[in-house]
PDB file of all heavy atoms in Angstrom:
ATOM      1  N   ARG A   1      -6.257  -4.139 -10.913  1.00  0.00           N
ATOM      2  CA  ARG A   1      -7.451  -3.627 -11.584  1.00  0.00           C
ATOM      3  C   ARG A   1      -7.414  -2.096 -11.672  1.00  0.00           C
ATOM      4  O   ARG A   1      -7.845  -1.503 -12.675  1.00  0.00           O
ATOM      5  CB  ARG A   1      -8.707  -4.090 -10.856  1.00  0.00           C
ATOM      6  CG  ARG A   1      -9.016  -5.562 -11.099  1.00  0.00           C
ATOM      7  CD  ARG A   1      -9.865  -6.157 -10.002  1.00  0.00           C
ATOM      8  NE  ARG A   1     -11.119  -5.448  -9.802  1.00  0.00           N
ATOM      9  CZ  ARG A   1     -11.845  -5.538  -8.688  1.00  0.00           C
ATOM     10  NH1 ARG A   1     -11.430  -6.284  -7.679  1.00  0.00           N
ATOM     11  NH2 ARG A   1     -12.984  -4.882  -8.585  1.00  0.00           N
ATOM     12  N   ALA A   2      -6.873  -1.446 -10.633  1.00  0.00           N
ATOM     13  CA  ALA A   2      -6.769   0.017 -10.662  1.00  0.00           C
ATOM     14  C   ALA A   2      -5.821   0.481 -11.762  1.00  0.00           C
ATOM     15  O   ALA A   2      -6.097   1.460 -12.470  1.00  0.00           O
ATOM     16  CB  ALA A   2      -6.308   0.539  -9.301  1.00  0.00           C
ATOM     17  N   TYR A   3      -4.705  -0.215 -11.930  1.00  0.00           N
ATOM     18  CA  TYR A   3      -3.762   0.136 -12.997  1.00  0.00           C
ATOM     19  C   TYR A   3      -4.411  -0.030 -14.371  1.00  0.00           C
ATOM     20  O   TYR A   3      -4.207   0.788 -15.281  1.00  0.00           O
ATOM     21  CB  TYR A   3      -2.510  -0.725 -12.913  1.00  0.00           C
ATOM     22  CG  TYR A   3      -1.554  -0.308 -11.818  1.00  0.00           C
ATOM     23  CD1 TYR A   3      -1.277  -1.148 -10.747  1.00  0.00           C
ATOM     24  CD2 TYR A   3      -0.905   0.924 -11.856  1.00  0.00           C
ATOM     25  CE1 TYR A   3      -0.398  -0.775  -9.739  1.00  0.00           C
ATOM     26  CE2 TYR A   3      -0.027   1.311 -10.866  1.00  0.00           C
ATOM     27  CZ  TYR A   3       0.226   0.454  -9.805  1.00  0.00           C
ATOM     28  OH  TYR A   3       1.100   0.830  -8.811  1.00  0.00           O
ATOM     29  N   ILE A   4      -5.179  -1.080 -14.535  1.00  0.00           N
ATOM     30  CA  ILE A   4      -5.827  -1.307 -15.828  1.00  0.00           C
ATOM     31  C   ILE A   4      -6.927  -0.273 -16.053  1.00  0.00           C
ATOM     32  O   ILE A   4      -7.148   0.181 -17.185  1.00  0.00           O
ATOM     33  CB  ILE A   4      -6.349  -2.750 -15.920  1.00  0.00           C
ATOM     34  CG1 ILE A   4      -5.145  -3.705 -15.957  1.00  0.00           C
ATOM     35  CG2 ILE A   4      -7.235  -2.947 -17.145  1.00  0.00           C
ATOM     36  CD1 ILE A   4      -5.487  -5.163 -15.986  1.00  0.00           C
ATOM     37  N   ALA A   5      -7.597   0.156 -14.987  1.00  0.00           N
ATOM     38  CA  ALA A   5      -8.559   1.253 -15.117  1.00  0.00           C
ATOM     39  C   ALA A   5      -7.862   2.521 -15.612  1.00  0.00           C
ATOM     40  O   ALA A   5      -8.408   3.265 -16.445  1.00  0.00           O
ATOM     41  CB  ALA A   5      -9.251   1.507 -13.781  1.00  0.00           C
ATOM     42  N   MET A   6      -6.656   2.791 -15.108  1.00  0.00           N
ATOM     43  CA  MET A   6      -5.888   3.951 -15.574  1.00  0.00           C
ATOM     44  C   MET A   6      -5.626   3.853 -17.072  1.00  0.00           C
ATOM     45  O   MET A   6      -5.763   4.835 -17.816  1.00  0.00           O
ATOM     46  CB  MET A   6      -4.567   4.036 -14.816  1.00  0.00           C
ATOM     47  CG  MET A   6      -3.637   5.131 -15.305  1.00  0.00           C
ATOM     48  SD  MET A   6      -2.006   5.101 -14.485  1.00  0.00           S
ATOM     49  CE  MET A   6      -1.341   3.536 -15.095  1.00  0.00           C
ATOM     50  N   VAL A   7      -5.255   2.646 -17.534  1.00  0.00           N
ATOM     51  CA  VAL A   7      -4.968   2.443 -18.949  1.00  0.00           C
ATOM     52  C   VAL A   7      -6.234   2.642 -19.787  1.00  0.00           C
ATOM     53  O   VAL A   7      -6.201   3.293 -20.840  1.00  0.00           O
ATOM     54  CB  VAL A   7      -4.372   1.038 -19.173  1.00  0.00           C
ATOM     55  CG1 VAL A   7      -4.307   0.707 -20.652  1.00  0.00           C
ATOM     56  CG2 VAL A   7      -2.985   0.950 -18.552  1.00  0.00           C
ATOM     57  N   LEU A   8      -7.370   2.106 -19.322  1.00  0.00           N
ATOM     58  CA  LEU A   8      -8.614   2.265 -20.077  1.00  0.00           C
ATOM     59  C   LEU A   8      -9.078   3.721 -20.090  1.00  0.00           C
ATOM     60  O   LEU A   8      -9.674   4.178 -21.075  1.00  0.00           O
ATOM     61  CB  LEU A   8      -9.699   1.370 -19.500  1.00  0.00           C
ATOM     62  CG  LEU A   8      -9.526  -0.140 -19.726  1.00  0.00           C
ATOM     63  CD1 LEU A   8     -10.729  -0.898 -19.207  1.00  0.00           C
ATOM     64  CD2 LEU A   8      -9.285  -0.465 -21.198  1.00  0.00           C
ATOM     65  N   ALA A   9      -8.813   4.451 -19.015  1.00  0.00           N
ATOM     66  CA  ALA A   9      -9.190   5.870 -18.981  1.00  0.00           C
ATOM     67  C   ALA A   9      -8.426   6.671 -20.031  1.00  0.00           C
ATOM     68  O   ALA A   9      -8.890   7.739 -20.457  1.00  0.00           O
ATOM     69  CB  ALA A   9      -8.942   6.454 -17.591  1.00  0.00           C
ATOM     70  N   GLN A  10      -7.288   6.172 -20.458  1.00  0.00           N
ATOM     71  CA  GLN A  10      -6.516   6.851 -21.501  1.00  0.00           C
ATOM     72  C   GLN A  10      -7.264   6.845 -22.829  1.00  0.00           C
ATOM     73  O   GLN A  10      -6.990   7.655 -23.714  1.00  0.00           O
ATOM     74  CB  GLN A  10      -5.138   6.187 -21.642  1.00  0.00           C
ATOM     75  CG  GLN A  10      -4.111   7.025 -22.379  1.00  0.00           C
ATOM     76  CD  GLN A  10      -2.716   6.425 -22.261  1.00  0.00           C
ATOM     77  OE1 GLN A  10      -2.376   5.782 -21.260  1.00  0.00           O
ATOM     78  NE2 GLN A  10      -1.896   6.625 -23.283  1.00  0.00           N
ATOM     79  N   ASP A  11      -8.213   5.904 -22.953  1.00  0.00           N
ATOM     80  CA  ASP A  11      -9.161   5.882 -24.075  1.00  0.00           C
ATOM     81  C   ASP A  11      -8.456   5.876 -25.429  1.00  0.00           C
ATOM     82  O   ASP A  11      -8.742   6.695 -26.306  1.00  0.00           O
ATOM     83  CB  ASP A  11     -10.120   7.076 -23.976  1.00  0.00           C
ATOM     84  CG  ASP A  11     -11.340   6.892 -24.876  1.00  0.00           C
ATOM     85  OD1 ASP A  11     -11.701   5.738 -25.149  1.00  0.00           O
ATOM     86  OD2 ASP A  11     -11.908   7.913 -25.310  1.00  0.00           O
ATOM     87  N   THR A  12      -7.540   4.920 -25.592  1.00  0.00           N
ATOM     88  CA  THR A  12      -6.843   4.743 -26.864  1.00  0.00           C
ATOM     89  C   THR A  12      -7.449   3.570 -27.627  1.00  0.00           C
ATOM     90  O   THR A  12      -8.086   2.688 -27.046  1.00  0.00           O
ATOM     91  CB  THR A  12      -5.355   4.470 -26.620  1.00  0.00           C
ATOM     92  OG1 THR A  12      -5.223   3.293 -25.801  1.00  0.00           O
ATOM     93  CG2 THR A  12      -4.691   5.647 -25.931  1.00  0.00           C
ATOM     94  N   ASP A  13      -7.227   3.561 -28.931  1.00  0.00           N
ATOM     95  CA  ASP A  13      -7.712   2.446 -29.741  1.00  0.00           C
ATOM     96  C   ASP A  13      -6.912   1.172 -29.493  1.00  0.00           C
ATOM     97  O   ASP A  13      -7.439   0.075 -29.641  1.00  0.00           O
ATOM     98  CB  ASP A  13      -7.638   2.795 -31.231  1.00  0.00           C
ATOM     99  CG  ASP A  13      -8.661   3.845 -31.630  1.00  0.00           C
ATOM    100  OD1 ASP A  13      -9.699   3.946 -30.943  1.00  0.00           O
ATOM    101  OD2 ASP A  13      -8.415   4.567 -32.621  1.00  0.00           O
ATOM    102  N   TYR A  14      -5.636   1.333 -29.106  1.00  0.00           N
ATOM    103  CA  TYR A  14      -4.743   0.201 -28.907  1.00  0.00           C
ATOM    104  C   TYR A  14      -4.315   0.141 -27.438  1.00  0.00           C
ATOM    105  O   TYR A  14      -3.891   1.153 -26.867  1.00  0.00           O
ATOM    106  CB  TYR A  14      -3.497   0.321 -29.801  1.00  0.00           C
ATOM    107  CG  TYR A  14      -3.823   0.325 -31.275  1.00  0.00           C
ATOM    108  CD1 TYR A  14      -4.142   1.514 -31.931  1.00  0.00           C
ATOM    109  CD2 TYR A  14      -3.818  -0.853 -32.016  1.00  0.00           C
ATOM    110  CE1 TYR A  14      -4.458   1.529 -33.283  1.00  0.00           C
ATOM    111  CE2 TYR A  14      -4.124  -0.853 -33.368  1.00  0.00           C
ATOM    112  CZ  TYR A  14      -4.449   0.337 -33.997  1.00  0.00           C
ATOM    113  OH  TYR A  14      -4.764   0.337 -35.327  1.00  0.00           O
ATOM    114  N   VAL A  15      -4.429  -1.056 -26.848  1.00  0.00           N
ATOM    115  CA  VAL A  15      -4.085  -1.256 -25.440  1.00  0.00           C
ATOM    116  C   VAL A  15      -3.134  -2.447 -25.344  1.00  0.00           C
ATOM    117  O   VAL A  15      -3.448  -3.541 -25.820  1.00  0.00           O
ATOM    118  CB  VAL A  15      -5.350  -1.529 -24.593  1.00  0.00           C
ATOM    119  CG1 VAL A  15      -4.966  -1.787 -23.136  1.00  0.00           C
ATOM    120  CG2 VAL A  15      -6.330  -0.367 -24.691  1.00  0.00           C
ATOM    121  N   LEU A  16      -1.972  -2.225 -24.727  1.00  0.00           N
ATOM    122  CA  LEU A  16      -0.957  -3.258 -24.583  1.00  0.00           C
ATOM    123  C   LEU A  16      -0.763  -3.554 -23.097  1.00  0.00           C
ATOM    124  O   LEU A  16      -0.476  -2.636 -22.319  1.00  0.00           O
ATOM    125  CB  LEU A  16       0.376  -2.799 -25.190  1.00  0.00           C
ATOM    126  CG  LEU A  16       0.317  -2.177 -26.592  1.00  0.00           C
ATOM    127  CD1 LEU A  16       1.713  -1.763 -27.044  1.00  0.00           C
ATOM    128  CD2 LEU A  16      -0.302  -3.125 -27.599  1.00  0.00           C
ATOM    129  N   LEU A  17      -0.916  -4.812 -22.713  1.00  0.00           N
ATOM    130  CA  LEU A  17      -0.861  -5.191 -21.303  1.00  0.00           C
ATOM    131  C   LEU A  17       0.131  -6.338 -21.120  1.00  0.00           C
ATOM    132  O   LEU A  17      -0.026  -7.409 -21.721  1.00  0.00           O
ATOM    133  CB  LEU A  17      -2.243  -5.628 -20.813  1.00  0.00           C
ATOM    134  CG  LEU A  17      -3.389  -4.618 -20.987  1.00  0.00           C
ATOM    135  CD1 LEU A  17      -4.717  -5.256 -20.618  1.00  0.00           C
ATOM    136  CD2 LEU A  17      -3.141  -3.375 -20.149  1.00  0.00           C
ATOM    137  N   ASP A  18       1.130  -6.108 -20.275  1.00  0.00           N
ATOM    138  CA  ASP A  18       2.140  -7.133 -19.997  1.00  0.00           C
ATOM    139  C   ASP A  18       1.754  -7.859 -18.710  1.00  0.00           C
ATOM    140  O   ASP A  18       1.829  -7.293 -17.617  1.00  0.00           O
ATOM    141  CB  ASP A  18       3.517  -6.481 -19.861  1.00  0.00           C
ATOM    142  CG  ASP A  18       4.641  -7.511 -19.843  1.00  0.00           C
ATOM    143  OD1 ASP A  18       4.349  -8.728 -19.910  1.00  0.00           O
ATOM    144  OD2 ASP A  18       5.812  -7.102 -19.782  1.00  0.00           O
ATOM    145  N   GLU A  19       1.336  -9.102 -18.836  1.00  0.00           N
ATOM    146  CA  GLU A  19       0.919  -9.941 -17.708  1.00  0.00           C
ATOM    147  C   GLU A  19      -0.161  -9.257 -16.858  1.00  0.00           C
ATOM    148  O   GLU A  19       0.022  -9.003 -15.658  1.00  0.00           O
ATOM    149  CB  GLU A  19       2.128 -10.295 -16.830  1.00  0.00           C
ATOM    150  CG  GLU A  19       2.986 -11.410 -17.399  1.00  0.00           C
ATOM    151  CD  GLU A  19       2.232 -12.732 -17.508  1.00  0.00           C
ATOM    152  OE1 GLU A  19       1.435 -13.054 -16.618  1.00  0.00           O
ATOM    153  OE2 GLU A  19       2.429 -13.434 -18.511  1.00  0.00           O
ATOM    154  N   PRO A  20      -1.321  -8.954 -17.444  1.00  0.00           N
ATOM    155  CA  PRO A  20      -2.375  -8.275 -16.675  1.00  0.00           C
ATOM    156  C   PRO A  20      -2.997  -9.153 -15.588  1.00  0.00           C
ATOM    157  O   PRO A  20      -3.731  -8.630 -14.746  1.00  0.00           O
ATOM    158  CB  PRO A  20      -3.415  -7.939 -17.754  1.00  0.00           C
ATOM    159  CG  PRO A  20      -3.212  -8.979 -18.801  1.00  0.00           C
ATOM    160  CD  PRO A  20      -1.730  -9.216 -18.833  1.00  0.00           C
ATOM    161  N   LEU A  21      -2.710 -10.449 -15.586  1.00  0.00           N
ATOM    162  CA  LEU A  21      -3.282 -11.337 -14.574  1.00  0.00           C
ATOM    163  C   LEU A  21      -2.372 -11.479 -13.350  1.00  0.00           C
ATOM    164  O   LEU A  21      -2.668 -12.278 -12.453  1.00  0.00           O
ATOM    165  CB  LEU A  21      -3.562 -12.716 -15.176  1.00  0.00           C
ATOM    166  CG  LEU A  21      -4.442 -12.721 -16.431  1.00  0.00           C
ATOM    167  CD1 LEU A  21      -4.770 -14.148 -16.849  1.00  0.00           C
ATOM    168  CD2 LEU A  21      -5.717 -11.912 -16.224  1.00  0.00           C
ATOM    169  N   ASN A  22      -1.293 -10.704 -13.314  1.00  0.00           N
ATOM    170  CA  ASN A  22      -0.417 -10.713 -12.134  1.00  0.00           C
ATOM    171  C   ASN A  22      -1.225 -10.430 -10.867  1.00  0.00           C
ATOM    172  O   ASN A  22      -2.052  -9.517 -10.834  1.00  0.00           O
ATOM    173  CB  ASN A  22       0.673  -9.635 -12.265  1.00  0.00           C
ATOM    174  CG  ASN A  22       1.918 -10.179 -12.926  1.00  0.00           C
ATOM    175  OD1 ASN A  22       2.011 -11.371 -13.240  1.00  0.00           O
ATOM    176  ND2 ASN A  22       2.882  -9.309 -13.147  1.00  0.00           N
ATOM    177  N   ASN A  23      -0.963 -11.205  -9.829  1.00  0.00           N
ATOM    178  CA  ASN A  23      -1.571 -11.012  -8.503  1.00  0.00           C
ATOM    179  C   ASN A  23      -3.069 -11.319  -8.459  1.00  0.00           C
ATOM    180  O   ASN A  23      -3.725 -11.012  -7.458  1.00  0.00           O
ATOM    181  CB  ASN A  23      -1.355  -9.569  -7.996  1.00  0.00           C
ATOM    182  CG  ASN A  23       0.097  -9.212  -7.862  1.00  0.00           C
ATOM    183  OD1 ASN A  23       0.871  -9.967  -7.284  1.00  0.00           O
ATOM    184  ND2 ASN A  23       0.495  -8.075  -8.404  1.00  0.00           N
ATOM    185  N   LEU A  24      -3.624 -11.886  -9.523  1.00  0.00           N
ATOM    186  CA  LEU A  24      -5.042 -12.200  -9.536  1.00  0.00           C
ATOM    187  C   LEU A  24      -5.249 -13.700  -9.315  1.00  0.00           C
ATOM    188  O   LEU A  24      -4.549 -14.520  -9.918  1.00  0.00           O
ATOM    189  CB  LEU A  24      -5.685 -11.793 -10.864  1.00  0.00           C
ATOM    190  CG  LEU A  24      -5.630 -10.308 -11.239  1.00  0.00           C
ATOM    191  CD1 LEU A  24      -6.360 -10.078 -12.554  1.00  0.00           C
ATOM    192  CD2 LEU A  24      -6.232  -9.439 -10.144  1.00  0.00           C
ATOM    193  N   ASP A  25      -6.220 -14.042  -8.480  1.00  0.00           N
ATOM    194  CA  ASP A  25      -6.566 -15.458  -8.321  1.00  0.00           C
ATOM    195  C   ASP A  25      -7.398 -15.909  -9.520  1.00  0.00           C
ATOM    196  O   ASP A  25      -7.660 -15.137 -10.451  1.00  0.00           O
ATOM    197  CB  ASP A  25      -7.305 -15.689  -6.997  1.00  0.00           C
ATOM    198  CG  ASP A  25      -8.587 -14.866  -6.874  1.00  0.00           C
ATOM    199  OD1 ASP A  25      -9.156 -14.465  -7.922  1.00  0.00           O
ATOM    200  OD2 ASP A  25      -9.031 -14.617  -5.738  1.00  0.00           O
ATOM    201  N   MET A  26      -7.804 -17.187  -9.516  1.00  0.00           N
ATOM    202  CA  MET A  26      -8.501 -17.740 -10.681  1.00  0.00           C
ATOM    203  C   MET A  26      -9.793 -16.991 -10.978  1.00  0.00           C
ATOM    204  O   MET A  26     -10.102 -16.678 -12.132  1.00  0.00           O
ATOM    205  CB  MET A  26      -8.777 -19.225 -10.466  1.00  0.00           C
ATOM    206  CG  MET A  26      -7.551 -20.108 -10.577  1.00  0.00           C
ATOM    207  SD  MET A  26      -7.962 -21.871 -10.503  1.00  0.00           S
ATOM    208  CE  MET A  26      -8.520 -22.011  -8.796  1.00  0.00           C
ATOM    209  N   LYS A  27     -10.558 -16.695  -9.927  1.00  0.00           N
ATOM    210  CA  LYS A  27     -11.842 -16.010 -10.125  1.00  0.00           C
ATOM    211  C   LYS A  27     -11.631 -14.639 -10.744  1.00  0.00           C
ATOM    212  O   LYS A  27     -12.313 -14.273 -11.722  1.00  0.00           O
ATOM    213  CB  LYS A  27     -12.571 -15.886  -8.780  1.00  0.00           C
ATOM    214  CG  LYS A  27     -13.873 -15.101  -8.866  1.00  0.00           C
ATOM    215  CD  LYS A  27     -14.535 -14.981  -7.498  1.00  0.00           C
ATOM    216  CE  LYS A  27     -15.804 -14.132  -7.566  1.00  0.00           C
ATOM    217  NZ  LYS A  27     -16.448 -14.009  -6.229  1.00  0.00           N
ATOM    218  N   HIS A  28     -10.684 -13.866 -10.203  1.00  0.00           N
ATOM    219  CA  HIS A  28     -10.489 -12.516 -10.703  1.00  0.00           C
ATOM    220  C   HIS A  28      -9.736 -12.514 -12.032  1.00  0.00           C
ATOM    221  O   HIS A  28      -9.888 -11.583 -12.831  1.00  0.00           O
ATOM    222  CB  HIS A  28      -9.772 -11.662  -9.655  1.00  0.00           C
ATOM    223  CG  HIS A  28     -10.643 -11.308  -8.485  1.00  0.00           C
ATOM    224  ND1 HIS A  28     -10.619 -12.009  -7.307  1.00  0.00           N
ATOM    225  CD2 HIS A  28     -11.601 -10.352  -8.338  1.00  0.00           C
ATOM    226  CE1 HIS A  28     -11.494 -11.489  -6.464  1.00  0.00           C
ATOM    227  NE2 HIS A  28     -12.108 -10.494  -7.070  1.00  0.00           N
ATOM    228  N   SER A  29      -8.928 -13.543 -12.286  1.00  0.00           N
ATOM    229  CA  SER A  29      -8.303 -13.667 -13.607  1.00  0.00           C
ATOM    230  C   SER A  29      -9.360 -13.874 -14.674  1.00  0.00           C
ATOM    231  O   SER A  29      -9.328 -13.244 -15.739  1.00  0.00           O
ATOM    232  CB  SER A  29      -7.313 -14.839 -13.616  1.00  0.00           C
ATOM    233  OG  SER A  29      -6.189 -14.567 -12.802  1.00  0.00           O
ATOM    234  N   ALA A  30     -10.318 -14.762 -14.396  1.00  0.00           N
ATOM    235  CA  ALA A  30     -11.400 -15.002 -15.352  1.00  0.00           C
ATOM    236  C   ALA A  30     -12.235 -13.736 -15.545  1.00  0.00           C
ATOM    237  O   ALA A  30     -12.628 -13.400 -16.684  1.00  0.00           O
ATOM    238  CB  ALA A  30     -12.278 -16.155 -14.870  1.00  0.00           C
ATOM    239  N   ALA A  31     -12.498 -13.014 -14.444  1.00  0.00           N
ATOM    240  CA  ALA A  31     -13.268 -11.776 -14.542  1.00  0.00           C
ATOM    241  C   ALA A  31     -12.502 -10.727 -15.353  1.00  0.00           C
ATOM    242  O   ALA A  31     -13.093  -9.988 -16.162  1.00  0.00           O
ATOM    243  CB  ALA A  31     -13.590 -11.245 -13.148  1.00  0.00           C
ATOM    244  N   MET A  32     -11.171 -10.647 -15.153  1.00  0.00           N
ATOM    245  CA  MET A  32     -10.366  -9.689 -15.899  1.00  0.00           C
ATOM    246  C   MET A  32     -10.386 -10.007 -17.391  1.00  0.00           C
ATOM    247  O   MET A  32     -10.565  -9.112 -18.237  1.00  0.00           O
ATOM    248  CB  MET A  32      -8.925  -9.704 -15.387  1.00  0.00           C
ATOM    249  CG  MET A  32      -7.983  -8.787 -16.153  1.00  0.00           C
ATOM    250  SD  MET A  32      -8.448  -7.049 -15.992  1.00  0.00           S
ATOM    251  CE  MET A  32      -8.023  -6.763 -14.275  1.00  0.00           C
ATOM    252  N   MET A  33     -10.222 -11.281 -17.743  1.00  0.00           N
ATOM    253  CA  MET A  33     -10.233 -11.649 -19.154  1.00  0.00           C
ATOM    254  C   MET A  33     -11.610 -11.395 -19.772  1.00  0.00           C
ATOM    255  O   MET A  33     -11.701 -10.963 -20.937  1.00  0.00           O
ATOM    256  CB  MET A  33      -9.835 -13.111 -19.316  1.00  0.00           C
ATOM    257  CG  MET A  33      -8.379 -13.410 -18.964  1.00  0.00           C
ATOM    258  SD  MET A  33      -7.176 -12.454 -19.933  1.00  0.00           S
ATOM    259  CE  MET A  33      -7.528 -13.007 -21.600  1.00  0.00           C
ATOM    260  N   THR A  34     -12.660 -11.620 -19.014  1.00  0.00           N
ATOM    261  CA  THR A  34     -14.009 -11.330 -19.503  1.00  0.00           C
ATOM    262  C   THR A  34     -14.177  -9.832 -19.758  1.00  0.00           C
ATOM    263  O   THR A  34     -14.759  -9.409 -20.773  1.00  0.00           O
ATOM    264  CB  THR A  34     -15.065 -11.813 -18.490  1.00  0.00           C
ATOM    265  OG1 THR A  34     -14.936 -13.230 -18.327  1.00  0.00           O
ATOM    266  CG2 THR A  34     -16.466 -11.485 -18.968  1.00  0.00           C
ATOM    267  N   MET A  35     -13.656  -9.006 -18.861  1.00  0.00           N
ATOM    268  CA  MET A  35     -13.742  -7.559 -19.018  1.00  0.00           C
ATOM    269  C   MET A  35     -12.954  -7.102 -20.256  1.00  0.00           C
ATOM    270  O   MET A  35     -13.434  -6.267 -21.048  1.00  0.00           O
ATOM    271  CB  MET A  35     -13.206  -6.865 -17.763  1.00  0.00           C
ATOM    272  CG  MET A  35     -13.314  -5.352 -17.784  1.00  0.00           C
ATOM    273  SD  MET A  35     -11.956  -4.523 -18.673  1.00  0.00           S
ATOM    274  CE  MET A  35     -10.552  -5.067 -17.702  1.00  0.00           C
ATOM    275  N   LEU A  36     -11.757  -7.665 -20.456  1.00  0.00           N
ATOM    276  CA  LEU A  36     -10.957  -7.290 -21.620  1.00  0.00           C
ATOM    277  C   LEU A  36     -11.622  -7.748 -22.912  1.00  0.00           C
ATOM    278  O   LEU A  36     -11.584  -7.048 -23.928  1.00  0.00           O
ATOM    279  CB  LEU A  36      -9.548  -7.877 -21.498  1.00  0.00           C
ATOM    280  CG  LEU A  36      -8.709  -7.337 -20.331  1.00  0.00           C
ATOM    281  CD1 LEU A  36      -7.397  -8.094 -20.221  1.00  0.00           C
ATOM    282  CD2 LEU A  36      -8.454  -5.843 -20.491  1.00  0.00           C
ATOM    283  N   ARG A  37     -12.245  -8.917 -22.863  1.00  0.00           N
ATOM    284  CA  ARG A  37     -12.986  -9.406 -24.028  1.00  0.00           C
ATOM    285  C   ARG A  37     -14.129  -8.444 -24.365  1.00  0.00           C
ATOM    286  O   ARG A  37     -14.382  -8.132 -25.530  1.00  0.00           O
ATOM    287  CB  ARG A  37     -13.519 -10.799 -23.707  1.00  0.00           C
ATOM    288  CG  ARG A  37     -14.317 -11.501 -24.796  1.00  0.00           C
ATOM    289  CD  ARG A  37     -13.436 -11.966 -25.914  1.00  0.00           C
ATOM    290  NE  ARG A  37     -13.599 -11.125 -27.081  1.00  0.00           N
ATOM    291  CZ  ARG A  37     -12.865 -11.243 -28.177  1.00  0.00           C
ATOM    292  NH1 ARG A  37     -11.902 -12.146 -28.233  1.00  0.00           N
ATOM    293  NH2 ARG A  37     -13.069 -10.462 -29.205  1.00  0.00           N
ATOM    294  N   ARG A  38     -14.814  -7.947 -23.332  1.00  0.00           N
ATOM    295  CA  ARG A  38     -15.894  -6.988 -23.537  1.00  0.00           C
ATOM    296  C   ARG A  38     -15.368  -5.681 -24.125  1.00  0.00           C
ATOM    297  O   ARG A  38     -16.032  -5.044 -24.960  1.00  0.00           O
ATOM    298  CB  ARG A  38     -16.623  -6.700 -22.218  1.00  0.00           C
ATOM    299  CG  ARG A  38     -17.614  -7.777 -21.802  1.00  0.00           C
ATOM    300  CD  ARG A  38     -18.179  -7.499 -20.405  1.00  0.00           C
ATOM    301  NE  ARG A  38     -18.440  -6.089 -20.162  1.00  0.00           N
ATOM    302  CZ  ARG A  38     -18.151  -5.469 -19.020  1.00  0.00           C
ATOM    303  NH1 ARG A  38     -17.583  -6.123 -18.015  1.00  0.00           N
ATOM    304  NH2 ARG A  38     -18.430  -4.193 -18.876  1.00  0.00           N
ATOM    305  N   ALA A  39     -14.185  -5.253 -23.672  1.00  0.00           N
ATOM    306  CA  ALA A  39     -13.605  -4.010 -24.182  1.00  0.00           C
ATOM    307  C   ALA A  39     -13.326  -4.108 -25.677  1.00  0.00           C
ATOM    308  O   ALA A  39     -13.422  -3.111 -26.401  1.00  0.00           O
ATOM    309  CB  ALA A  39     -12.324  -3.670 -23.416  1.00  0.00           C
ATOM    310  N   VAL A  40     -12.987  -5.295 -26.137  1.00  0.00           N
ATOM    311  CA  VAL A  40     -12.799  -5.515 -27.576  1.00  0.00           C
ATOM    312  C   VAL A  40     -14.148  -5.534 -28.287  1.00  0.00           C
ATOM    313  O   VAL A  40     -14.348  -4.837 -29.296  1.00  0.00           O
ATOM    314  CB  VAL A  40     -12.034  -6.838 -27.820  1.00  0.00           C
ATOM    315  CG1 VAL A  40     -12.022  -7.188 -29.307  1.00  0.00           C
ATOM    316  CG2 VAL A  40     -10.614  -6.739 -27.297  1.00  0.00           C
ATOM    317  N   ASP A  41     -15.072  -6.317 -27.766  1.00  0.00           N
ATOM    318  CA  ASP A  41     -16.352  -6.512 -28.454  1.00  0.00           C
ATOM    319  C   ASP A  41     -17.262  -5.296 -28.377  1.00  0.00           C
ATOM    320  O   ASP A  41     -17.929  -4.949 -29.357  1.00  0.00           O
ATOM    321  CB  ASP A  41     -17.074  -7.732 -27.863  1.00  0.00           C
ATOM    322  CG  ASP A  41     -16.313  -9.028 -28.073  1.00  0.00           C
ATOM    323  OD1 ASP A  41     -15.506  -9.093 -29.026  1.00  0.00           O
ATOM    324  OD2 ASP A  41     -16.510  -9.966 -27.284  1.00  0.00           O
ATOM    325  N   ASP A  42     -17.298  -4.639 -27.208  1.00  0.00           N
ATOM    326  CA  ASP A  42     -18.240  -3.527 -27.012  1.00  0.00           C
ATOM    327  C   ASP A  42     -17.647  -2.168 -27.354  1.00  0.00           C
ATOM    328  O   ASP A  42     -18.358  -1.269 -27.814  1.00  0.00           O
ATOM    329  CB  ASP A  42     -18.732  -3.502 -25.558  1.00  0.00           C
ATOM    330  CG  ASP A  42     -19.461  -4.777 -25.165  1.00  0.00           C
ATOM    331  OD1 ASP A  42     -19.873  -5.525 -26.073  1.00  0.00           O
ATOM    332  OD2 ASP A  42     -19.614  -5.020 -23.953  1.00  0.00           O
ATOM    333  N   LEU A  43     -16.348  -1.996 -27.087  1.00  0.00           N
ATOM    334  CA  LEU A  43     -15.716  -0.687 -27.270  1.00  0.00           C
ATOM    335  C   LEU A  43     -14.832  -0.612 -28.504  1.00  0.00           C
ATOM    336  O   LEU A  43     -14.303   0.455 -28.824  1.00  0.00           O
ATOM    337  CB  LEU A  43     -14.887  -0.331 -26.024  1.00  0.00           C
ATOM    338  CG  LEU A  43     -15.622  -0.376 -24.682  1.00  0.00           C
ATOM    339  CD1 LEU A  43     -14.678  -0.040 -23.541  1.00  0.00           C
ATOM    340  CD2 LEU A  43     -16.825   0.552 -24.689  1.00  0.00           C
TER     341      LEU A  43
END
């Protein structure tokens, strides 16, 4: 999550993530995908 925060802080229009669910359990994987979905819809 910290690495992805670094990427979002870069504040680019395009974000490329290779296996962003690495090391995440089911709960946090779902939360991560929800956050990325929000970044598309809200930002």
